[in-house]
Amino acid sequence: MSMMNGSRESLSSDINVTPMIDVLLVLLIIFMVVSPHHFWGEEADLPRPAEGVKAPPDQPLVIQLHDTGQQSAPTITINHNDVAWPDLDAKLREVLASRADRVAFLKGDPEIYFEYVAQAVDAAHQAGADRVGLLGAKD
């Protein structure tokens, strides 16, 4: 019921907000009761890695060429393990077969002829390395 000033014969255009407030309070109570039951979120189906996919290695594959002097072939180490030049291809194939990233890094002493660096890069590519990075003296 609304209150009117003056005579009762004139029409009142005031909105009666009491039923709207009742509906609003009922909706507020409903949402307050329903909302806490939905706190866990949506379930997600995460993709699983395929079998046979290898995990990335802990350390990168680093091929180092060490100068021996007297214009002879440098010595080679792969991750601090000595390797002979004839065994380089087989050892690289063995190491790269167990890796998913197939990336190798080459580091050489500054006095080494570029011919040996090119041979090591070529051997890495032939062994299956997708990319070969060259490391500088301070790396």
Protein backbone atom coordinates (compact mmCIF):
# COMPACT_ATOMS: atom_id res chain seq x y z
CA MET A 1 0.00 0.00 0.00
CA SER A 2 1.32 3.43 -0.82
CA MET A 3 0.76 6.72 0.95
CA MET A 4 -0.74 9.63 -0.92
CA ASN A 5 -0.83 13.26 -0.05
CA GLY A 6 -3.86 15.22 -0.91
CA SER A 7 -7.08 13.90 -2.29
CA ARG A 8 -7.78 10.27 -3.04
CA GLU A 9 -9.17 11.05 -6.45
CA SER A 10 -5.80 11.66 -8.18
CA LEU A 11 -3.76 8.77 -9.59
CA SER A 12 -0.41 7.84 -8.04
CA SER A 13 2.50 6.98 -10.34
CA ASP A 14 4.93 5.89 -7.56
CA ILE A 15 6.48 2.44 -7.87
CA ASN A 16 5.85 0.11 -5.02
CA VAL A 17 9.38 -1.33 -4.36
CA THR A 18 8.43 -3.67 -1.52
CA PRO A 19 7.79 -6.73 -3.77
CA MET A 20 11.05 -6.05 -5.68
CA ILE A 21 13.05 -6.00 -2.44
CA ASP A 22 11.40 -9.26 -1.37
CA VAL A 23 12.36 -10.93 -4.64
CA LEU A 24 15.91 -9.54 -4.39
CA LEU A 25 16.35 -10.90 -0.85
CA VAL A 26 15.02 -14.31 -1.85
CA LEU A 27 17.47 -14.44 -4.80
CA LEU A 28 20.34 -13.32 -2.57
CA ILE A 29 19.61 -16.10 -0.09
CA ILE A 30 19.38 -18.69 -2.88
CA PHE A 31 22.74 -17.65 -4.35
CA MET A 32 24.37 -17.61 -0.93
CA VAL A 33 23.21 -21.17 -0.26
CA VAL A 34 24.06 -22.57 -3.71
CA SER A 35 27.47 -20.92 -4.32
CA PRO A 36 29.61 -22.67 -1.65
CA HIS A 37 28.84 -26.09 -3.15
CA HIS A 38 30.64 -25.22 -6.37
CA PHE A 39 34.11 -24.45 -4.98
CA TRP A 40 36.15 -27.23 -6.64
CA GLY A 41 36.10 -25.85 -10.18
CA GLU A 42 35.88 -27.71 -13.42
CA GLU A 43 37.68 -30.97 -14.07
CA ALA A 44 40.28 -30.85 -16.82
CA ASP A 45 41.43 -33.70 -18.99
CA LEU A 46 45.13 -33.01 -19.42
CA PRO A 47 46.93 -34.68 -22.31
CA ARG A 48 49.28 -37.47 -21.35
CA PRO A 49 52.67 -37.81 -23.06
CA ALA A 50 52.83 -40.60 -25.57
CA GLU A 51 54.78 -43.68 -24.66
CA GLY A 52 58.26 -43.70 -26.09
CA VAL A 53 58.70 -39.92 -25.82
CA LYS A 54 61.85 -39.21 -23.92
CA ALA A 55 62.17 -36.60 -21.22
CA PRO A 56 64.58 -33.73 -21.84
CA PRO A 57 68.06 -34.38 -20.45
CA ASP A 58 69.41 -32.72 -17.36
CA GLN A 59 72.46 -31.29 -19.10
CA PRO A 60 73.01 -30.20 -22.69
CA LEU A 61 75.17 -32.15 -25.12
CA VAL A 62 78.50 -30.28 -25.31
CA ILE A 63 81.24 -31.35 -27.69
CA GLN A 64 84.59 -29.78 -26.74
CA LEU A 65 87.67 -29.60 -28.94
CA HIS A 66 90.91 -29.21 -26.98
CA ASP A 67 94.08 -27.97 -28.67
CA THR A 68 97.05 -30.33 -28.44
CA GLY A 69 99.52 -28.07 -30.21
CA GLN A 70 101.93 -28.86 -33.09
CA GLN A 71 99.16 -28.54 -35.71
CA SER A 72 97.75 -31.97 -34.88
CA ALA A 73 94.12 -32.94 -34.50
CA PRO A 74 92.55 -31.72 -31.26
CA THR A 75 91.29 -34.09 -28.59
CA ILE A 76 87.52 -34.40 -28.19
CA THR A 77 85.35 -34.66 -25.12
CA ILE A 78 81.58 -35.13 -25.08
CA ASN A 79 80.16 -33.91 -21.77
CA HIS A 80 83.64 -34.28 -20.18
CA ASN A 81 84.12 -37.87 -21.48
CA ASP A 82 87.10 -38.41 -23.79
CA VAL A 83 86.29 -39.66 -27.28
CA ALA A 84 88.63 -40.56 -30.15
CA TRP A 85 88.04 -39.02 -33.60
CA PRO A 86 87.11 -42.34 -35.26
CA ASP A 87 84.56 -43.07 -32.49
CA LEU A 88 82.97 -39.59 -32.62
CA ASP A 89 80.10 -40.50 -34.95
CA ALA A 90 79.13 -43.66 -33.03
CA LYS A 91 79.30 -41.93 -29.65
CA LEU A 92 77.19 -38.99 -30.89
CA ARG A 93 74.57 -41.39 -32.30
CA GLU A 94 74.44 -43.19 -28.96
CA VAL A 95 74.03 -39.98 -26.95
CA LEU A 96 71.50 -38.37 -29.33
CA ALA A 97 69.37 -41.53 -29.48
CA SER A 98 68.43 -41.12 -25.82
CA ARG A 99 67.48 -37.44 -26.14
CA ALA A 100 64.27 -35.78 -27.19
CA ASP A 101 65.71 -32.34 -28.06
CA ARG A 102 68.48 -33.48 -30.48
CA VAL A 103 70.53 -30.31 -29.97
CA ALA A 104 74.32 -30.24 -29.61
CA PHE A 105 76.73 -27.47 -28.66
CA LEU A 106 80.30 -27.24 -29.91
CA LYS A 107 83.04 -25.48 -27.99
CA GLY A 108 86.61 -25.25 -29.17
CA ASP A 109 89.86 -23.67 -28.10
CA PRO A 110 90.73 -20.50 -30.04
CA GLU A 111 93.89 -22.02 -31.58
CA ILE A 112 92.09 -24.89 -33.33
CA TYR A 113 91.90 -24.86 -37.12
CA PHE A 114 88.39 -24.37 -38.46
CA GLU A 115 88.75 -27.62 -40.43
CA TYR A 116 88.32 -29.60 -37.20
CA VAL A 117 85.36 -27.50 -36.09
CA ALA A 118 83.67 -28.14 -39.45
CA GLN A 119 84.34 -31.89 -39.15
CA ALA A 120 82.79 -31.96 -35.67
CA VAL A 121 79.71 -30.02 -36.83
CA ASP A 122 79.33 -32.36 -39.80
CA ALA A 123 79.67 -35.42 -37.56
CA ALA A 124 77.00 -34.06 -35.22
CA HIS A 125 74.58 -33.48 -38.10
CA GLN A 126 75.25 -36.94 -39.54
CA ALA A 127 74.68 -38.49 -36.10
CA GLY A 128 71.19 -36.99 -35.99
CA ALA A 129 71.51 -33.59 -34.34
CA ASP A 130 68.83 -31.19 -35.58
CA ARG A 131 70.74 -28.09 -34.49
CA VAL A 132 74.36 -27.45 -33.55
CA GLY A 133 75.22 -24.32 -31.61
CA LEU A 134 78.69 -22.84 -31.36
CA LEU A 135 79.83 -21.71 -27.92
CA GLY A 136 82.30 -18.90 -27.42
CA ALA A 137 85.29 -18.75 -25.11
CA LYS A 138 83.30 -17.38 -22.14
CA ASP A 139 80.38 -19.85 -22.36
